Amino acid sequence: MITLWIDADAAPRDVKDVCFRASERLALPTILVANQRIQLPIGHAHLSAVRVEGGPDIADRYIAEHAVAGDVAITADIPLAALLVPNHVVVLDPRGEEYTAESIGERLSVRNFMDSLRSSGVETGGHAAYGAREKQAFANALDRALTRALRAR
């Protein structure tokens, strides 16, 4: 059985809700990992939470160490995605973009470049607001990724 991993420290509530519904519909083990306490909704038998102690990258490290080939992970953290993709974990960001072996290197380079700009004081802006369109794109991408992953098992 595959596991759905959620990098829960920064996942939008809408993303978690979509994942919770998918977890119940597919009886899919779903693990939320964060460095703070996570309140799980009542009535979701397949959800669990892991609270890790330490800095902000400890949750990422936990997911990277425990996710296995065929699992699906949800994260906006590009360095985490760069660890998971080579291990054949399907990785989606909260806007529905799938990180692939072909795209992750470029995404990591752009992320590092933007990080260096921000650290030198350049204002780089950010993502547009997360709304209904982004939620729908994520839900569609998650459905496609889970369908592929379940067929492959």
N, C-alpha and C. Protein backbone atom coordinates (compact mmCIF):
# COMPACT_ATOMS: atom_id res chain seq x y z
N MET A 1 0.84 -1.19 0.00
CA MET A 1 0.00 0.00 0.00
C MET A 1 0.88 1.24 0.00
N ILE A 2 0.44 2.23 -0.71
CA ILE A 2 1.19 3.48 -0.72
C ILE A 2 0.80 4.32 0.49
N THR A 3 1.65 5.27 0.81
CA THR A 3 1.39 6.21 1.89
C THR A 3 1.39 7.61 1.30
N LEU A 4 0.47 8.43 1.76
CA LEU A 4 0.42 9.84 1.39
C LEU A 4 1.08 10.62 2.52
N TRP A 5 2.16 11.34 2.19
CA TRP A 5 2.90 12.14 3.16
C TRP A 5 2.57 13.60 2.95
N ILE A 6 2.31 14.33 4.03
CA ILE A 6 2.03 15.76 3.93
C ILE A 6 3.03 16.51 4.80
N ASP A 7 3.78 17.40 4.16
CA ASP A 7 4.66 18.32 4.87
C ASP A 7 3.74 19.38 5.46
N ALA A 8 3.30 19.14 6.70
CA ALA A 8 2.17 19.88 7.26
C ALA A 8 2.51 21.24 7.84
N ASP A 9 3.77 21.57 7.98
CA ASP A 9 4.10 22.87 8.56
C ASP A 9 3.55 24.04 7.75
N ALA A 10 3.55 23.91 6.43
CA ALA A 10 3.13 25.04 5.60
C ALA A 10 2.01 24.69 4.62
N ALA A 11 1.49 23.49 4.68
CA ALA A 11 0.43 23.11 3.74
C ALA A 11 -0.84 23.91 4.03
N PRO A 12 -1.42 24.53 3.00
CA PRO A 12 -2.68 25.26 3.22
C PRO A 12 -3.78 24.32 3.71
N ARG A 13 -4.71 24.85 4.46
CA ARG A 13 -5.83 24.06 4.99
C ARG A 13 -6.61 23.39 3.87
N ASP A 14 -6.81 24.09 2.74
CA ASP A 14 -7.53 23.51 1.61
C ASP A 14 -6.82 22.27 1.08
N VAL A 15 -5.50 22.30 1.04
CA VAL A 15 -4.72 21.15 0.57
C VAL A 15 -4.91 19.99 1.53
N LYS A 16 -4.84 20.26 2.81
CA LYS A 16 -5.05 19.20 3.79
C LYS A 16 -6.45 18.60 3.66
N ASP A 17 -7.46 19.45 3.47
CA ASP A 17 -8.83 18.96 3.34
C ASP A 17 -8.98 18.03 2.14
N VAL A 18 -8.39 18.40 1.00
CA VAL A 18 -8.43 17.56 -0.19
C VAL A 18 -7.75 16.22 0.10
N CYS A 19 -6.60 16.27 0.77
CA CYS A 19 -5.87 15.04 1.11
C CYS A 19 -6.67 14.18 2.08
N PHE A 20 -7.33 14.79 3.05
CA PHE A 20 -8.12 14.03 4.02
C PHE A 20 -9.24 13.28 3.32
N ARG A 21 -9.92 13.95 2.37
CA ARG A 21 -11.01 13.29 1.65
C ARG A 21 -10.48 12.14 0.80
N ALA A 22 -9.36 12.35 0.14
CA ALA A 22 -8.76 11.29 -0.67
C ALA A 22 -8.34 10.12 0.21
N SER A 23 -7.81 10.41 1.37
CA SER A 23 -7.38 9.38 2.31
C SER A 23 -8.54 8.48 2.70
N GLU A 24 -9.67 9.09 3.01
CA GLU A 24 -10.84 8.31 3.41
C GLU A 24 -11.43 7.55 2.23
N ARG A 25 -11.53 8.20 1.08
CA ARG A 25 -12.12 7.58 -0.10
C ARG A 25 -11.34 6.33 -0.54
N LEU A 26 -10.01 6.41 -0.43
CA LEU A 26 -9.15 5.33 -0.91
C LEU A 26 -8.62 4.44 0.21
N ALA A 27 -9.02 4.71 1.47
CA ALA A 27 -8.49 3.99 2.63
C ALA A 27 -6.97 4.02 2.60
N LEU A 28 -6.43 5.20 2.41
CA LEU A 28 -5.02 5.42 2.18
C LEU A 28 -4.33 5.96 3.43
N PRO A 29 -3.33 5.25 3.95
CA PRO A 29 -2.60 5.79 5.09
C PRO A 29 -2.01 7.16 4.73
N THR A 30 -2.31 8.15 5.57
CA THR A 30 -1.87 9.52 5.33
C THR A 30 -1.20 10.03 6.59
N ILE A 31 0.03 10.51 6.43
CA ILE A 31 0.81 10.95 7.58
C ILE A 31 1.17 12.43 7.42
N LEU A 32 0.76 13.21 8.40
CA LEU A 32 1.12 14.62 8.44
C LEU A 32 2.34 14.76 9.33
N VAL A 33 3.37 15.44 8.83
CA VAL A 33 4.60 15.61 9.59
C VAL A 33 4.84 17.10 9.79
N ALA A 34 5.11 17.49 11.04
CA ALA A 34 5.32 18.90 11.35
C ALA A 34 6.18 19.03 12.59
N ASN A 35 6.71 20.23 12.80
CA ASN A 35 7.48 20.46 14.02
C ASN A 35 6.63 21.17 15.07
N GLN A 36 5.34 21.11 14.90
CA GLN A 36 4.40 21.64 15.88
C GLN A 36 3.25 20.64 16.03
N ARG A 37 2.44 20.82 17.05
CA ARG A 37 1.32 19.91 17.29
C ARG A 37 0.31 20.05 16.16
N ILE A 38 -0.21 18.92 15.69
CA ILE A 38 -1.19 18.90 14.60
C ILE A 38 -2.51 18.38 15.14
N GLN A 39 -3.56 19.12 14.91
CA GLN A 39 -4.90 18.70 15.30
C GLN A 39 -5.51 17.93 14.13
N LEU A 40 -5.74 16.64 14.32
CA LEU A 40 -6.35 15.83 13.26
C LEU A 40 -7.86 15.90 13.38
N PRO A 41 -8.55 15.95 12.24
CA PRO A 41 -10.01 15.98 12.30
C PRO A 41 -10.56 14.64 12.79
N ILE A 42 -11.68 14.70 13.46
CA ILE A 42 -12.33 13.50 13.99
C ILE A 42 -12.98 12.73 12.84
N GLY A 43 -12.92 11.40 12.93
CA GLY A 43 -13.61 10.57 11.98
C GLY A 43 -12.81 10.18 10.76
N HIS A 44 -11.53 10.43 10.77
CA HIS A 44 -10.67 10.05 9.64
C HIS A 44 -9.73 8.94 10.13
N ALA A 45 -10.11 7.72 9.84
CA ALA A 45 -9.42 6.55 10.39
C ALA A 45 -8.02 6.34 9.82
N HIS A 46 -7.72 6.92 8.69
CA HIS A 46 -6.45 6.64 8.03
C HIS A 46 -5.40 7.74 8.21
N LEU A 47 -5.74 8.73 9.01
CA LEU A 47 -4.81 9.84 9.26
C LEU A 47 -3.99 9.59 10.50
N SER A 48 -2.72 10.01 10.43
CA SER A 48 -1.89 10.04 11.63
C SER A 48 -0.96 11.24 11.52
N ALA A 49 -0.40 11.61 12.63
CA ALA A 49 0.48 12.78 12.66
C ALA A 49 1.77 12.42 13.37
N VAL A 50 2.84 13.02 12.90
CA VAL A 50 4.14 12.87 13.53
C VAL A 50 4.63 14.27 13.84
N ARG A 51 4.92 14.51 15.11
CA ARG A 51 5.51 15.78 15.52
C ARG A 51 6.99 15.55 15.76
N VAL A 52 7.81 16.31 15.06
CA VAL A 52 9.26 16.18 15.20
C VAL A 52 9.79 17.38 15.97
N GLU A 53 10.80 17.15 16.75
CA GLU A 53 11.43 18.20 17.53
C GLU A 53 12.59 18.79 16.76
N GLY A 54 12.81 20.07 16.90
CA GLY A 54 13.97 20.68 16.29
C GLY A 54 13.60 21.77 15.31
N GLY A 55 14.53 22.06 14.43
CA GLY A 55 14.38 23.15 13.48
C GLY A 55 13.39 22.87 12.36
N PRO A 56 13.27 23.83 11.46
CA PRO A 56 12.28 23.73 10.40
C PRO A 56 12.53 22.61 9.39
N ASP A 57 13.77 22.16 9.24
CA ASP A 57 14.06 21.12 8.26
C ASP A 57 13.97 19.71 8.83
N ILE A 58 13.65 19.57 10.10
CA ILE A 58 13.57 18.25 10.72
C ILE A 58 12.38 17.47 10.17
N ALA A 59 11.26 18.14 9.93
CA ALA A 59 10.10 17.47 9.34
C ALA A 59 10.44 16.98 7.94
N ASP A 60 11.15 17.79 7.18
CA ASP A 60 11.57 17.38 5.84
C ASP A 60 12.45 16.15 5.90
N ARG A 61 13.39 16.16 6.81
CA ARG A 61 14.30 15.02 6.96
C ARG A 61 13.52 13.76 7.32
N TYR A 62 12.53 13.89 8.20
CA TYR A 62 11.72 12.73 8.59
C TYR A 62 11.02 12.14 7.37
N ILE A 63 10.40 12.99 6.58
CA ILE A 63 9.70 12.50 5.38
C ILE A 63 10.69 11.84 4.43
N ALA A 64 11.84 12.48 4.21
CA ALA A 64 12.84 11.94 3.29
C ALA A 64 13.35 10.57 3.76
N GLU A 65 13.44 10.37 5.06
CA GLU A 65 13.94 9.10 5.60
C GLU A 65 12.88 8.00 5.59
N HIS A 66 11.60 8.35 5.58
CA HIS A 66 10.55 7.34 5.74
C HIS A 66 9.72 7.07 4.48
N ALA A 67 9.66 8.01 3.56
CA ALA A 67 8.90 7.80 2.32
C ALA A 67 9.66 6.81 1.44
N VAL A 68 8.92 5.93 0.79
CA VAL A 68 9.54 4.91 -0.07
C VAL A 68 8.99 5.04 -1.49
N ALA A 69 9.67 4.40 -2.41
CA ALA A 69 9.28 4.43 -3.82
C ALA A 69 7.80 4.06 -3.95
N GLY A 70 7.09 4.85 -4.73
CA GLY A 70 5.66 4.62 -4.94
C GLY A 70 4.77 5.46 -4.05
N ASP A 71 5.32 5.99 -2.95
CA ASP A 71 4.54 6.87 -2.08
C ASP A 71 4.29 8.20 -2.79
N VAL A 72 3.38 9.00 -2.23
CA VAL A 72 3.08 10.32 -2.75
C VAL A 72 3.30 11.31 -1.61
N ALA A 73 3.99 12.41 -1.92
CA ALA A 73 4.28 13.43 -0.91
C ALA A 73 3.78 14.79 -1.39
N ILE A 74 3.28 15.58 -0.44
CA ILE A 74 2.80 16.93 -0.72
C ILE A 74 3.70 17.91 0.01
N THR A 75 4.38 18.76 -0.75
CA THR A 75 5.25 19.76 -0.14
C THR A 75 5.49 20.91 -1.11
N ALA A 76 5.69 22.08 -0.57
CA ALA A 76 6.13 23.22 -1.36
C ALA A 76 7.64 23.39 -1.23
N ASP A 77 8.26 22.54 -0.43
CA ASP A 77 9.69 22.63 -0.14
C ASP A 77 10.49 21.96 -1.26
N ILE A 78 11.11 22.76 -2.09
CA ILE A 78 11.84 22.22 -3.25
C ILE A 78 13.04 21.37 -2.84
N PRO A 79 13.82 21.77 -1.83
CA PRO A 79 14.91 20.87 -1.41
C PRO A 79 14.41 19.50 -0.94
N LEU A 80 13.27 19.45 -0.27
CA LEU A 80 12.69 18.16 0.12
C LEU A 80 12.29 17.39 -1.13
N ALA A 81 11.65 18.04 -2.06
CA ALA A 81 11.27 17.38 -3.31
C ALA A 81 12.50 16.82 -4.02
N ALA A 82 13.61 17.57 -3.97
CA ALA A 82 14.85 17.13 -4.62
C ALA A 82 15.41 15.87 -3.96
N LEU A 83 15.10 15.65 -2.71
CA LEU A 83 15.51 14.41 -2.03
C LEU A 83 14.58 13.24 -2.37
N LEU A 84 13.30 13.53 -2.54
CA LEU A 84 12.31 12.48 -2.74
C LEU A 84 12.22 11.97 -4.17
N VAL A 85 12.28 12.88 -5.13
CA VAL A 85 12.09 12.50 -6.54
C VAL A 85 13.08 11.41 -7.00
N PRO A 86 14.37 11.52 -6.69
CA PRO A 86 15.29 10.45 -7.12
C PRO A 86 14.98 9.08 -6.50
N ASN A 87 14.23 9.09 -5.40
CA ASN A 87 13.84 7.84 -4.73
C ASN A 87 12.49 7.33 -5.23
N HIS A 88 12.00 7.91 -6.34
CA HIS A 88 10.76 7.48 -6.98
C HIS A 88 9.53 7.71 -6.12
N VAL A 89 9.57 8.78 -5.32
CA VAL A 89 8.39 9.24 -4.60
C VAL A 89 7.75 10.30 -5.47
N VAL A 90 6.45 10.21 -5.69
CA VAL A 90 5.73 11.22 -6.47
C VAL A 90 5.54 12.44 -5.56
N VAL A 91 5.96 13.61 -6.05
CA VAL A 91 5.90 14.81 -5.22
C VAL A 91 5.08 15.88 -5.93
N LEU A 92 4.07 16.40 -5.20
CA LEU A 92 3.23 17.48 -5.70
C LEU A 92 3.38 18.69 -4.80
N ASP A 93 3.31 19.88 -5.42
CA ASP A 93 3.26 21.08 -4.59
C ASP A 93 1.79 21.44 -4.38
N PRO A 94 1.49 22.34 -3.44
CA PRO A 94 0.09 22.66 -3.12
C PRO A 94 -0.70 23.28 -4.27
N ARG A 95 -0.03 23.68 -5.34
CA ARG A 95 -0.73 24.24 -6.49
C ARG A 95 -0.92 23.21 -7.60
N GLY A 96 -0.53 21.95 -7.32
CA GLY A 96 -0.78 20.88 -8.27
C GLY A 96 0.35 20.59 -9.23
N GLU A 97 1.48 21.26 -9.07
CA GLU A 97 2.62 20.97 -9.94
C GLU A 97 3.33 19.72 -9.43
N GLU A 98 3.64 18.81 -10.34
CA GLU A 98 4.38 17.62 -9.96
C GLU A 98 5.86 17.85 -10.24
N TYR A 99 6.68 17.61 -9.23
CA TYR A 99 8.12 17.68 -9.41
C TYR A 99 8.57 16.36 -10.03
N THR A 100 9.34 16.44 -11.10
CA THR A 100 9.80 15.24 -11.78
C THR A 100 11.32 15.23 -11.84
N ALA A 101 11.86 14.10 -12.25
CA ALA A 101 13.32 14.00 -12.42
C ALA A 101 13.81 15.04 -13.43
N GLU A 102 12.98 15.34 -14.43
CA GLU A 102 13.36 16.31 -15.46
C GLU A 102 13.30 17.75 -14.96
N SER A 103 12.38 18.04 -14.04
CA SER A 103 12.17 19.44 -13.63
C SER A 103 12.82 19.83 -12.31
N ILE A 104 13.14 18.86 -11.47
CA ILE A 104 13.57 19.21 -10.11
C ILE A 104 14.90 19.95 -10.07
N GLY A 105 15.83 19.62 -10.94
CA GLY A 105 17.11 20.31 -10.95
C GLY A 105 16.95 21.79 -11.26
N GLU A 106 16.14 22.10 -12.28
CA GLU A 106 15.90 23.49 -12.63
C GLU A 106 15.17 24.22 -11.51
N ARG A 107 14.16 23.58 -10.94
CA ARG A 107 13.39 24.20 -9.85
C ARG A 107 14.29 24.51 -8.66
N LEU A 108 15.21 23.59 -8.35
CA LEU A 108 16.13 23.80 -7.24
C LEU A 108 17.09 24.95 -7.54
N SER A 109 17.57 25.03 -8.77
CA SER A 109 18.47 26.12 -9.16
C SER A 109 17.78 27.47 -9.06
N VAL A 110 16.55 27.55 -9.56
CA VAL A 110 15.79 28.80 -9.49
C VAL A 110 15.53 29.17 -8.03
N ARG A 111 15.16 28.18 -7.23
CA ARG A 111 14.90 28.43 -5.81
C ARG A 111 16.15 28.98 -5.12
N ASN A 112 17.30 28.37 -5.38
CA ASN A 112 18.54 28.82 -4.77
C ASN A 112 18.92 30.22 -5.24
N PHE A 113 18.70 30.51 -6.53
CA PHE A 113 18.97 31.84 -7.07
C PHE A 113 18.09 32.87 -6.40
N MET A 114 16.80 32.59 -6.29
CA MET A 114 15.87 33.53 -5.64
C MET A 114 16.22 33.71 -4.16
N ASP A 115 16.65 32.65 -3.52
CA ASP A 115 17.05 32.72 -2.12
C ASP A 115 18.26 33.64 -1.96
N SER A 116 19.21 33.53 -2.89
CA SER A 116 20.39 34.40 -2.82
C SER A 116 20.01 35.86 -3.08
N LEU A 117 19.06 36.09 -3.98
CA LEU A 117 18.59 37.46 -4.20
C LEU A 117 17.95 38.02 -2.94
N ARG A 118 17.07 37.23 -2.31
CA ARG A 118 16.41 37.70 -1.08
C ARG A 118 17.42 37.97 0.02
N SER A 119 18.44 37.12 0.15
CA SER A 119 19.42 37.32 1.22
C SER A 119 20.29 38.55 0.96
N SER A 120 20.35 39.00 -0.28
CA SER A 120 21.12 40.22 -0.58
C SER A 120 20.22 41.46 -0.55
N GLY A 121 18.95 41.29 -0.17
CA GLY A 121 18.06 42.43 0.02
C GLY A 121 17.13 42.73 -1.14
N VAL A 122 17.15 41.92 -2.18
CA VAL A 122 16.27 42.15 -3.32
C VAL A 122 14.88 41.62 -2.99
N GLU A 123 13.87 42.45 -3.25
CA GLU A 123 12.47 42.06 -3.03
C GLU A 123 12.02 41.22 -4.23
N THR A 124 11.68 39.95 -4.00
CA THR A 124 11.35 39.04 -5.10
C THR A 124 9.87 38.74 -5.22
N GLY A 125 9.05 39.24 -4.31
CA GLY A 125 7.62 38.95 -4.37
C GLY A 125 7.34 37.54 -3.90
N GLY A 126 6.19 37.05 -4.24
CA GLY A 126 5.82 35.70 -3.83
C GLY A 126 4.73 35.16 -4.71
N HIS A 127 4.14 34.03 -4.31
CA HIS A 127 3.06 33.43 -5.07
C HIS A 127 1.82 34.30 -4.98
N ALA A 128 0.96 34.17 -5.97
CA ALA A 128 -0.36 34.78 -5.92
C ALA A 128 -1.15 34.10 -4.81
N ALA A 129 -2.25 34.71 -4.42
CA ALA A 129 -3.09 34.15 -3.37
C ALA A 129 -3.55 32.74 -3.76
N TYR A 130 -3.76 31.90 -2.75
CA TYR A 130 -4.23 30.54 -2.96
C TYR A 130 -5.75 30.58 -2.95
N GLY A 131 -6.36 30.25 -4.08
CA GLY A 131 -7.81 30.33 -4.18
C GLY A 131 -8.42 29.07 -4.75
N ALA A 132 -9.65 29.20 -5.22
CA ALA A 132 -10.41 28.06 -5.72
C ALA A 132 -9.73 27.41 -6.93
N ARG A 133 -9.14 28.20 -7.81
CA ARG A 133 -8.48 27.65 -9.00
C ARG A 133 -7.29 26.78 -8.60
N GLU A 134 -6.49 27.27 -7.65
CA GLU A 134 -5.32 26.51 -7.20
C GLU A 134 -5.74 25.24 -6.47
N LYS A 135 -6.80 25.35 -5.67
CA LYS A 135 -7.31 24.17 -4.96
C LYS A 135 -7.78 23.11 -5.95
N GLN A 136 -8.48 23.52 -6.99
CA GLN A 136 -8.96 22.56 -7.98
C GLN A 136 -7.81 21.94 -8.75
N ALA A 137 -6.81 22.75 -9.10
CA ALA A 137 -5.63 22.21 -9.80
C ALA A 137 -4.92 21.18 -8.92
N PHE A 138 -4.82 21.47 -7.63
CA PHE A 138 -4.20 20.51 -6.72
C PHE A 138 -5.02 19.23 -6.62
N ALA A 139 -6.34 19.36 -6.45
CA ALA A 139 -7.20 18.19 -6.32
C ALA A 139 -7.10 17.29 -7.56
N ASN A 140 -7.08 17.91 -8.74
CA ASN A 140 -6.95 17.14 -9.98
C ASN A 140 -5.60 16.43 -10.05
N ALA A 141 -4.53 17.16 -9.71
CA ALA A 141 -3.18 16.57 -9.76
C ALA A 141 -3.05 15.43 -8.74
N LEU A 142 -3.62 15.61 -7.54
CA LEU A 142 -3.56 14.56 -6.53
C LEU A 142 -4.31 13.32 -7.01
N ASP A 143 -5.48 13.52 -7.59
CA ASP A 143 -6.25 12.38 -8.10
C ASP A 143 -5.46 11.62 -9.16
N ARG A 144 -4.83 12.34 -10.09
CA ARG A 144 -4.02 11.68 -11.12
C ARG A 144 -2.84 10.93 -10.51
N ALA A 145 -2.15 11.57 -9.57
CA ALA A 145 -0.97 10.96 -8.96
C ALA A 145 -1.35 9.71 -8.16
N LEU A 146 -2.42 9.79 -7.39
CA LEU A 146 -2.84 8.62 -6.60
C LEU A 146 -3.33 7.50 -7.49
N THR A 147 -4.03 7.82 -8.56
CA THR A 147 -4.48 6.78 -9.49
C THR A 147 -3.29 6.05 -10.10
N ARG A 148 -2.29 6.80 -10.55
CA ARG A 148 -1.08 6.18 -11.12
C ARG A 148 -0.37 5.33 -10.08
N ALA A 149 -0.22 5.88 -8.86
CA ALA A 149 0.51 5.16 -7.80
C ALA A 149 -0.22 3.87 -7.42
N LEU A 150 -1.52 3.91 -7.32
CA LEU A 150 -2.27 2.71 -6.94
C LEU A 150 -2.25 1.66 -8.04
N ARG A 151 -2.26 2.08 -9.28
CA ARG A 151 -2.17 1.13 -10.40
C ARG A 151 -0.80 0.45 -10.44
N ALA A 152 0.22 1.20 -10.05
CA ALA A 152 1.59 0.67 -10.10
C ALA A 152 1.86 -0.34 -8.99
N ARG A 153 1.05 -0.35 -7.95
CA ARG A 153 1.26 -1.27 -6.82
C ARG A 153 0.71 -2.63 -7.11
